[in-house]
Amino acid sequence: MFALDTKGSHLEQDMRNKLVRLHQADGRPKVHIRFIVDGRYDSTGLRTGTDSFTVVGFRPDQTLKYRPVTDLTAAAKAATKPTL
């Protein structure tokens, strides 16, 4: 199951506040939370450009992952994969 939320760059702090880790319950579907933000962010979360989008979520090891993509179609495809 995927939960996707789009955010404008002006809501960057709101995104950081809402990004939470969910603990997997036995026998329940895994939930993946992803944010799609406008602009390009590097691997540390620093905004480096305005020409694209970035998918933000957790890697399997629970570290934050920022994945820049070219457009919203690419963002939707990246956001709905089990791993970023």
PDB file of N, CA and C in Angstrom:
ATOM      1  N   MET A   1       0.846  -1.148   0.000  1.00  0.00           N
ATOM      2  CA  MET A   1       0.000   0.000   0.000  1.00  0.00           C
ATOM      3  C   MET A   1       0.905   1.228   0.000  1.00  0.00           C
ATOM      4  N   PHE A   2       0.536   2.219  -0.819  1.00  0.00           N
ATOM      5  CA  PHE A   2       1.317   3.444  -0.923  1.00  0.00           C
ATOM      6  C   PHE A   2       0.472   4.643  -0.526  1.00  0.00           C
ATOM      7  N   ALA A   3       1.051   5.534   0.272  1.00  0.00           N
ATOM      8  CA  ALA A   3       0.415   6.804   0.623  1.00  0.00           C
ATOM      9  C   ALA A   3       1.284   7.902   0.015  1.00  0.00           C
ATOM     10  N   LEU A   4       0.735   8.629  -0.964  1.00  0.00           N
ATOM     11  CA  LEU A   4       1.473   9.679  -1.660  1.00  0.00           C
ATOM     12  C   LEU A   4       0.880  11.026  -1.302  1.00  0.00           C
ATOM     13  N   ASP A   5       1.751  12.006  -1.105  1.00  0.00           N
ATOM     14  CA  ASP A   5       1.315  13.359  -0.775  1.00  0.00           C
ATOM     15  C   ASP A   5       2.191  14.321  -1.558  1.00  0.00           C
ATOM     16  N   THR A   6       1.576  15.239  -2.280  1.00  0.00           N
ATOM     17  CA  THR A   6       2.349  16.238  -3.026  1.00  0.00           C
ATOM     18  C   THR A   6       2.491  17.487  -2.171  1.00  0.00           C
ATOM     19  N   LYS A   7       3.640  18.112  -2.294  1.00  0.00           N
ATOM     20  CA  LYS A   7       3.933  19.309  -1.510  1.00  0.00           C
ATOM     21  C   LYS A   7       4.626  20.330  -2.391  1.00  0.00           C
ATOM     22  N   GLY A   8       4.267  21.606  -2.215  1.00  0.00           N
ATOM     23  CA  GLY A   8       5.026  22.683  -2.824  1.00  0.00           C
ATOM     24  C   GLY A   8       6.272  22.925  -1.999  1.00  0.00           C
ATOM     25  N   SER A   9       7.270  23.546  -2.600  1.00  0.00           N
ATOM     26  CA  SER A   9       8.521  23.770  -1.867  1.00  0.00           C
ATOM     27  C   SER A   9       8.311  24.650  -0.642  1.00  0.00           C
ATOM     28  N   HIS A  10       7.282  25.490  -0.650  1.00  0.00           N
ATOM     29  CA  HIS A  10       7.011  26.342   0.502  1.00  0.00           C
ATOM     30  C   HIS A  10       6.505  25.536   1.701  1.00  0.00           C
ATOM     31  N   LEU A  11       6.164  24.262   1.495  1.00  0.00           N
ATOM     32  CA  LEU A  11       5.698  23.393   2.581  1.00  0.00           C
ATOM     33  C   LEU A  11       6.742  22.342   2.956  1.00  0.00           C
ATOM     34  N   GLU A  12       8.002  22.644   2.694  1.00  0.00           N
ATOM     35  CA  GLU A  12       9.081  21.690   2.961  1.00  0.00           C
ATOM     36  C   GLU A  12       9.122  21.280   4.433  1.00  0.00           C
ATOM     37  N   GLN A  13       8.999  22.227   5.340  1.00  0.00           N
ATOM     38  CA  GLN A  13       9.038  21.886   6.764  1.00  0.00           C
ATOM     39  C   GLN A  13       7.833  21.032   7.139  1.00  0.00           C
ATOM     40  N   ASP A  14       6.663  21.315   6.554  1.00  0.00           N
ATOM     41  CA  ASP A  14       5.467  20.506   6.791  1.00  0.00           C
ATOM     42  C   ASP A  14       5.721  19.059   6.379  1.00  0.00           C
ATOM     43  N   MET A  15       6.394  18.866   5.235  1.00  0.00           N
ATOM     44  CA  MET A  15       6.722  17.516   4.770  1.00  0.00           C
ATOM     45  C   MET A  15       7.616  16.814   5.789  1.00  0.00           C
ATOM     46  N   ARG A  16       8.643  17.493   6.246  1.00  0.00           N
ATOM     47  CA  ARG A  16       9.574  16.886   7.205  1.00  0.00           C
ATOM     48  C   ARG A  16       8.856  16.514   8.503  1.00  0.00           C
ATOM     49  N   ASN A  17       7.909  17.334   8.918  1.00  0.00           N
ATOM     50  CA  ASN A  17       7.161  17.044  10.143  1.00  0.00           C
ATOM     51  C   ASN A  17       6.242  15.844   9.975  1.00  0.00           C
ATOM     52  N   LYS A  18       5.687  15.653   8.779  1.00  0.00           N
ATOM     53  CA  LYS A  18       4.726  14.574   8.551  1.00  0.00           C
ATOM     54  C   LYS A  18       5.374  13.242   8.194  1.00  0.00           C
ATOM     55  N   LEU A  19       6.618  13.257   7.761  1.00  0.00           N
ATOM     56  CA  LEU A  19       7.271  12.026   7.339  1.00  0.00           C
ATOM     57  C   LEU A  19       7.587  11.176   8.562  1.00  0.00           C
ATOM     58  N   VAL A  20       6.892  10.068   8.674  1.00  0.00           N
ATOM     59  CA  VAL A  20       7.051   9.195   9.836  1.00  0.00           C
ATOM     60  C   VAL A  20       7.343   7.770   9.383  1.00  0.00           C
ATOM     61  N   ARG A  21       7.947   7.028  10.254  1.00  0.00           N
ATOM     62  CA  ARG A  21       8.176   5.611  10.010  1.00  0.00           C
ATOM     63  C   ARG A  21       7.008   4.839  10.612  1.00  0.00           C
ATOM     64  N   LEU A  22       6.498   3.893   9.871  1.00  0.00           N
ATOM     65  CA  LEU A  22       5.444   3.026  10.392  1.00  0.00           C
ATOM     66  C   LEU A  22       6.044   1.663  10.683  1.00  0.00           C
ATOM     67  N   HIS A  23       5.672   1.099  11.771  1.00  0.00           N
ATOM     68  CA  HIS A  23       6.139  -0.244  12.104  1.00  0.00           C
ATOM     69  C   HIS A  23       5.194  -1.256  11.471  1.00  0.00           C
ATOM     70  N   GLN A  24       5.776  -2.237  10.811  1.00  0.00           N
ATOM     71  CA  GLN A  24       5.009  -3.267  10.123  1.00  0.00           C
ATOM     72  C   GLN A  24       4.366  -4.215  11.129  1.00  0.00           C
ATOM     73  N   ALA A  25       3.053  -4.340  11.061  1.00  0.00           N
ATOM     74  CA  ALA A  25       2.344  -5.295  11.919  1.00  0.00           C
ATOM     75  C   ALA A  25       2.316  -6.658  11.233  1.00  0.00           C
ATOM     76  N   ASP A  26       2.422  -7.708  12.002  1.00  0.00           N
ATOM     77  CA  ASP A  26       2.402  -9.061  11.445  1.00  0.00           C
ATOM     78  C   ASP A  26       1.110  -9.298  10.673  1.00  0.00           C
ATOM     79  N   GLY A  27       1.244  -9.840   9.464  1.00  0.00           N
ATOM     80  CA  GLY A  27       0.090 -10.206   8.669  1.00  0.00           C
ATOM     81  C   GLY A  27      -0.618  -9.048   8.000  1.00  0.00           C
ATOM     82  N   ARG A  28      -0.087  -7.844   8.103  1.00  0.00           N
ATOM     83  CA  ARG A  28      -0.716  -6.669   7.497  1.00  0.00           C
ATOM     84  C   ARG A  28       0.085  -6.226   6.274  1.00  0.00           C
ATOM     85  N   PRO A  29      -0.587  -5.573   5.328  1.00  0.00           N
ATOM     86  CA  PRO A  29       0.155  -5.068   4.166  1.00  0.00           C
ATOM     87  C   PRO A  29       1.165  -4.005   4.584  1.00  0.00           C
ATOM     88  N   LYS A  30       2.272  -3.975   3.885  1.00  0.00           N
ATOM     89  CA  LYS A  30       3.289  -2.960   4.151  1.00  0.00           C
ATOM     90  C   LYS A  30       2.811  -1.626   3.589  1.00  0.00           C
ATOM     91  N   VAL A  31       3.008  -0.569   4.352  1.00  0.00           N
ATOM     92  CA  VAL A  31       2.615   0.776   3.933  1.00  0.00           C
ATOM     93  C   VAL A  31       3.877   1.574   3.628  1.00  0.00           C
ATOM     94  N   HIS A  32       3.918   2.166   2.435  1.00  0.00           N
ATOM     95  CA  HIS A  32       5.036   3.009   2.013  1.00  0.00           C
ATOM     96  C   HIS A  32       4.522   4.446   1.944  1.00  0.00           C
ATOM     97  N   ILE A  33       5.159   5.354   2.674  1.00  0.00           N
ATOM     98  CA  ILE A  33       4.774   6.766   2.655  1.00  0.00           C
ATOM     99  C   ILE A  33       5.790   7.519   1.805  1.00  0.00           C
ATOM    100  N   ARG A  34       5.273   8.269   0.844  1.00  0.00           N
ATOM    101  CA  ARG A  34       6.134   9.051  -0.049  1.00  0.00           C
ATOM    102  C   ARG A  34       5.577  10.463  -0.186  1.00  0.00           C
ATOM    103  N   PHE A  35       6.476  11.427  -0.258  1.00  0.00           N
ATOM    104  CA  PHE A  35       6.112  12.798  -0.590  1.00  0.00           C
ATOM    105  C   PHE A  35       6.718  13.128  -1.940  1.00  0.00           C
ATOM    106  N   ILE A  36       5.996  13.860  -2.724  1.00  0.00           N
ATOM    107  CA  ILE A  36       6.490  14.354  -4.006  1.00  0.00           C
ATOM    108  C   ILE A  36       6.538  15.868  -3.879  1.00  0.00           C
ATOM    109  N   VAL A  37       7.739  16.430  -3.965  1.00  0.00           N
ATOM    110  CA  VAL A  37       7.914  17.871  -3.804  1.00  0.00           C
ATOM    111  C   VAL A  37       8.438  18.477  -5.097  1.00  0.00           C
ATOM    112  N   ASP A  38       8.034  19.723  -5.359  1.00  0.00           N
ATOM    113  CA  ASP A  38       8.574  20.377  -6.542  1.00  0.00           C
ATOM    114  C   ASP A  38       9.969  20.884  -6.225  1.00  0.00           C
ATOM    115  N   GLY A  39      10.850  20.766  -7.196  1.00  0.00           N
ATOM    116  CA  GLY A  39      12.245  21.152  -7.024  1.00  0.00           C
ATOM    117  C   GLY A  39      13.142  19.941  -6.881  1.00  0.00           C
ATOM    118  N   ARG A  40      14.415  20.179  -7.059  1.00  0.00           N
ATOM    119  CA  ARG A  40      15.430  19.120  -6.959  1.00  0.00           C
ATOM    120  C   ARG A  40      16.127  19.234  -5.612  1.00  0.00           C
ATOM    121  N   TYR A  41      16.194  18.097  -4.895  1.00  0.00           N
ATOM    122  CA  TYR A  41      16.867  18.023  -3.608  1.00  0.00           C
ATOM    123  C   TYR A  41      17.994  17.002  -3.699  1.00  0.00           C
ATOM    124  N   ASP A  42      19.102  17.285  -3.025  1.00  0.00           N
ATOM    125  CA  ASP A  42      20.200  16.325  -3.034  1.00  0.00           C
ATOM    126  C   ASP A  42      19.982  15.281  -1.938  1.00  0.00           C
ATOM    127  N   SER A  43      20.938  14.389  -1.771  1.00  0.00           N
ATOM    128  CA  SER A  43      20.777  13.267  -0.838  1.00  0.00           C
ATOM    129  C   SER A  43      20.717  13.702   0.624  1.00  0.00           C
ATOM    130  N   THR A  44      21.086  14.946   0.912  1.00  0.00           N
ATOM    131  CA  THR A  44      21.027  15.438   2.292  1.00  0.00           C
ATOM    132  C   THR A  44      19.748  16.225   2.568  1.00  0.00           C
ATOM    133  N   GLY A  45      18.924  16.420   1.533  1.00  0.00           N
ATOM    134  CA  GLY A  45      17.689  17.179   1.701  1.00  0.00           C
ATOM    135  C   GLY A  45      17.835  18.650   1.410  1.00  0.00           C
ATOM    136  N   LEU A  46      18.966  19.065   0.842  1.00  0.00           N
ATOM    137  CA  LEU A  46      19.202  20.453   0.477  1.00  0.00           C
ATOM    138  C   LEU A  46      18.631  20.717  -0.912  1.00  0.00           C
ATOM    139  N   ARG A  47      17.816  21.749  -1.038  1.00  0.00           N
ATOM    140  CA  ARG A  47      17.227  22.101  -2.337  1.00  0.00           C
ATOM    141  C   ARG A  47      18.321  22.647  -3.246  1.00  0.00           C
ATOM    142  N   THR A  48      18.459  22.034  -4.428  1.00  0.00           N
ATOM    143  CA  THR A  48      19.534  22.419  -5.345  1.00  0.00           C
ATOM    144  C   THR A  48      19.020  22.943  -6.678  1.00  0.00           C
ATOM    145  N   GLY A  49      17.713  22.932  -6.894  1.00  0.00           N
ATOM    146  CA  GLY A  49      17.185  23.431  -8.156  1.00  0.00           C
ATOM    147  C   GLY A  49      15.677  23.475  -8.147  1.00  0.00           C
ATOM    148  N   THR A  50      15.129  24.087  -9.187  1.00  0.00           N
ATOM    149  CA  THR A  50      13.680  24.251  -9.283  1.00  0.00           C
ATOM    150  C   THR A  50      13.110  23.605 -10.537  1.00  0.00           C
ATOM    151  N   ASP A  51      13.931  22.916 -11.302  1.00  0.00           N
ATOM    152  CA  ASP A  51      13.539  22.436 -12.626  1.00  0.00           C
ATOM    153  C   ASP A  51      12.906  21.052 -12.655  1.00  0.00           C
ATOM    154  N   SER A  52      12.667  20.433 -11.522  1.00  0.00           N
ATOM    155  CA  SER A  52      12.176  19.056 -11.536  1.00  0.00           C
ATOM    156  C   SER A  52      11.379  18.780 -10.265  1.00  0.00           C
ATOM    157  N   PHE A  53      11.253  17.500  -9.926  1.00  0.00           N
ATOM    158  CA  PHE A  53      10.547  17.067  -8.723  1.00  0.00           C
ATOM    159  C   PHE A  53      11.433  16.098  -7.965  1.00  0.00           C
ATOM    160  N   THR A  54      11.127  15.885  -6.685  1.00  0.00           N
ATOM    161  CA  THR A  54      11.869  14.922  -5.878  1.00  0.00           C
ATOM    162  C   THR A  54      10.875  14.076  -5.089  1.00  0.00           C
ATOM    163  N   VAL A  55      11.112  12.764  -5.095  1.00  0.00           N
ATOM    164  CA  VAL A  55      10.320  11.834  -4.287  1.00  0.00           C
ATOM    165  C   VAL A  55      11.096  11.606  -2.995  1.00  0.00           C
ATOM    166  N   VAL A  56      10.406  11.733  -1.865  1.00  0.00           N
ATOM    167  CA  VAL A  56      11.046  11.591  -0.555  1.00  0.00           C
ATOM    168  C   VAL A  56      10.365  10.454   0.198  1.00  0.00           C
ATOM    169  N   GLY A  57      11.165   9.573   0.772  1.00  0.00           N
ATOM    170  CA  GLY A  57      10.632   8.465   1.551  1.00  0.00           C
ATOM    171  C   GLY A  57      11.745   7.778   2.312  1.00  0.00           C
ATOM    172  N   PHE A  58      11.439   6.611   2.839  1.00  0.00           N
ATOM    173  CA  PHE A  58      12.430   5.843   3.596  1.00  0.00           C
ATOM    174  C   PHE A  58      12.934   4.665   2.784  1.00  0.00           C
ATOM    175  N   ARG A  59      14.210   4.390   2.914  1.00  0.00           N
ATOM    176  CA  ARG A  59      14.811   3.183   2.354  1.00  0.00           C
ATOM    177  C   ARG A  59      14.482   2.022   3.296  1.00  0.00           C
ATOM    178  N   PRO A  60      14.731   0.790   2.852  1.00  0.00           N
ATOM    179  CA  PRO A  60      14.491  -0.360   3.736  1.00  0.00           C
ATOM    180  C   PRO A  60      15.266  -0.288   5.054  1.00  0.00           C
ATOM    181  N   ASP A  61      16.434   0.367   5.052  1.00  0.00           N
ATOM    182  CA  ASP A  61      17.211   0.484   6.294  1.00  0.00           C
ATOM    183  C   ASP A  61      16.752   1.663   7.153  1.00  0.00           C
ATOM    184  N   GLN A  62      15.622   2.287   6.772  1.00  0.00           N
ATOM    185  CA  GLN A  62      14.986   3.377   7.511  1.00  0.00           C
ATOM    186  C   GLN A  62      15.718   4.708   7.407  1.00  0.00           C
ATOM    187  N   THR A  63      16.680   4.840   6.490  1.00  0.00           N
ATOM    188  CA  THR A  63      17.287   6.144   6.251  1.00  0.00           C
ATOM    189  C   THR A  63      16.444   6.894   5.233  1.00  0.00           C
ATOM    190  N   LEU A  64      16.471   8.207   5.313  1.00  0.00           N
ATOM    191  CA  LEU A  64      15.712   9.029   4.379  1.00  0.00           C
ATOM    192  C   LEU A  64      16.346   9.007   3.000  1.00  0.00           C
ATOM    193  N   LYS A  65      15.522   8.958   1.982  1.00  0.00           N
ATOM    194  CA  LYS A  65      15.995   8.937   0.605  1.00  0.00           C
ATOM    195  C   LYS A  65      15.304  10.044  -0.177  1.00  0.00           C
ATOM    196  N   TYR A  66      16.090  10.827  -0.905  1.00  0.00           N
ATOM    197  CA  TYR A  66      15.587  11.848  -1.813  1.00  0.00           C
ATOM    198  C   TYR A  66      15.918  11.386  -3.226  1.00  0.00           C
ATOM    199  N   ARG A  67      14.892  11.226  -4.059  1.00  0.00           N
ATOM    200  CA  ARG A  67      15.131  10.756  -5.429  1.00  0.00           C
ATOM    201  C   ARG A  67      14.612  11.790  -6.416  1.00  0.00           C
ATOM    202  N   PRO A  68      15.508  12.571  -7.043  1.00  0.00           N
ATOM    203  CA  PRO A  68      15.080  13.549  -8.040  1.00  0.00           C
ATOM    204  C   PRO A  68      14.579  12.853  -9.309  1.00  0.00           C
ATOM    205  N   VAL A  69      13.528  13.412  -9.896  1.00  0.00           N
ATOM    206  CA  VAL A  69      12.970  12.897 -11.146  1.00  0.00           C
ATOM    207  C   VAL A  69      12.634  14.082 -12.050  1.00  0.00           C
ATOM    208  N   THR A  70      12.393  13.810 -13.320  1.00  0.00           N
ATOM    209  CA  THR A  70      12.211  14.884 -14.290  1.00  0.00           C
ATOM    210  C   THR A  70      10.808  15.471 -14.330  1.00  0.00           C
ATOM    211  N   ASP A  71       9.790  14.646 -14.066  1.00  0.00           N
ATOM    212  CA  ASP A  71       8.411  15.138 -14.185  1.00  0.00           C
ATOM    213  C   ASP A  71       7.488  14.342 -13.265  1.00  0.00           C
ATOM    214  N   LEU A  72       6.207  14.715 -13.249  1.00  0.00           N
ATOM    215  CA  LEU A  72       5.262  14.054 -12.337  1.00  0.00           C
ATOM    216  C   LEU A  72       5.000  12.599 -12.706  1.00  0.00           C
ATOM    217  N   THR A  73       5.054  12.271 -13.987  1.00  0.00           N
ATOM    218  CA  THR A  73       4.884  10.873 -14.391  1.00  0.00           C
ATOM    219  C   THR A  73       6.005  10.019 -13.807  1.00  0.00           C
ATOM    220  N   ALA A  74       7.234  10.496 -13.928  1.00  0.00           N
ATOM    221  CA  ALA A  74       8.381   9.779 -13.347  1.00  0.00           C
ATOM    222  C   ALA A  74       8.276   9.732 -11.827  1.00  0.00           C
ATOM    223  N   ALA A  75       7.753  10.795 -11.228  1.00  0.00           N
ATOM    224  CA  ALA A  75       7.587  10.827  -9.766  1.00  0.00           C
ATOM    225  C   ALA A  75       6.595   9.764  -9.313  1.00  0.00           C
ATOM    226  N   ALA A  76       5.465   9.645 -10.026  1.00  0.00           N
ATOM    227  CA  ALA A  76       4.466   8.637  -9.661  1.00  0.00           C
ATOM    228  C   ALA A  76       5.035   7.235  -9.796  1.00  0.00           C
ATOM    229  N   LYS A  77       5.804   6.985 -10.845  1.00  0.00           N
ATOM    230  CA  LYS A  77       6.418   5.659 -11.034  1.00  0.00           C
ATOM    231  C   LYS A  77       7.422   5.363  -9.932  1.00  0.00           C
ATOM    232  N   ALA A  78       8.266   6.341  -9.600  1.00  0.00           N
ATOM    233  CA  ALA A  78       9.277   6.131  -8.558  1.00  0.00           C
ATOM    234  C   ALA A  78       8.625   5.962  -7.182  1.00  0.00           C
ATOM    235  N   ALA A  79       7.575   6.721  -6.925  1.00  0.00           N
ATOM    236  CA  ALA A  79       6.942   6.710  -5.613  1.00  0.00           C
ATOM    237  C   ALA A  79       6.190   5.415  -5.337  1.00  0.00           C
ATOM    238  N   THR A  80       5.797   4.703  -6.378  1.00  0.00           N
ATOM    239  CA  THR A  80       5.011   3.482  -6.182  1.00  0.00           C
ATOM    240  C   THR A  80       5.846   2.217  -6.315  1.00  0.00           C
ATOM    241  N   LYS A  81       7.138   2.339  -6.191  1.00  0.00           N
ATOM    242  CA  LYS A  81       8.027   1.172  -6.122  1.00  0.00           C
ATOM    243  C   LYS A  81       8.321   0.895  -4.648  1.00  0.00           C
ATOM    244  N   PRO A  82       8.468  -0.377  -4.278  1.00  0.00           N
ATOM    245  CA  PRO A  82       8.725  -0.707  -2.871  1.00  0.00           C
ATOM    246  C   PRO A  82       9.964  -0.048  -2.278  1.00  0.00           C
ATOM    247  N   THR A  83      10.982   0.181  -3.098  1.00  0.00           N
ATOM    248  CA  THR A  83      12.193   0.849  -2.601  1.00  0.00           C
ATOM    249  C   THR A  83      12.474   2.062  -3.473  1.00  0.00           C
ATOM    250  N   LEU A  84      12.997   3.094  -2.853  1.00  0.00           N
ATOM    251  CA  LEU A  84      13.406   4.277  -3.605  1.00  0.00           C
ATOM    252  C   LEU A  84      14.815   4.050  -4.072  1.00  0.00           C
TER     253      LEU A  84
END
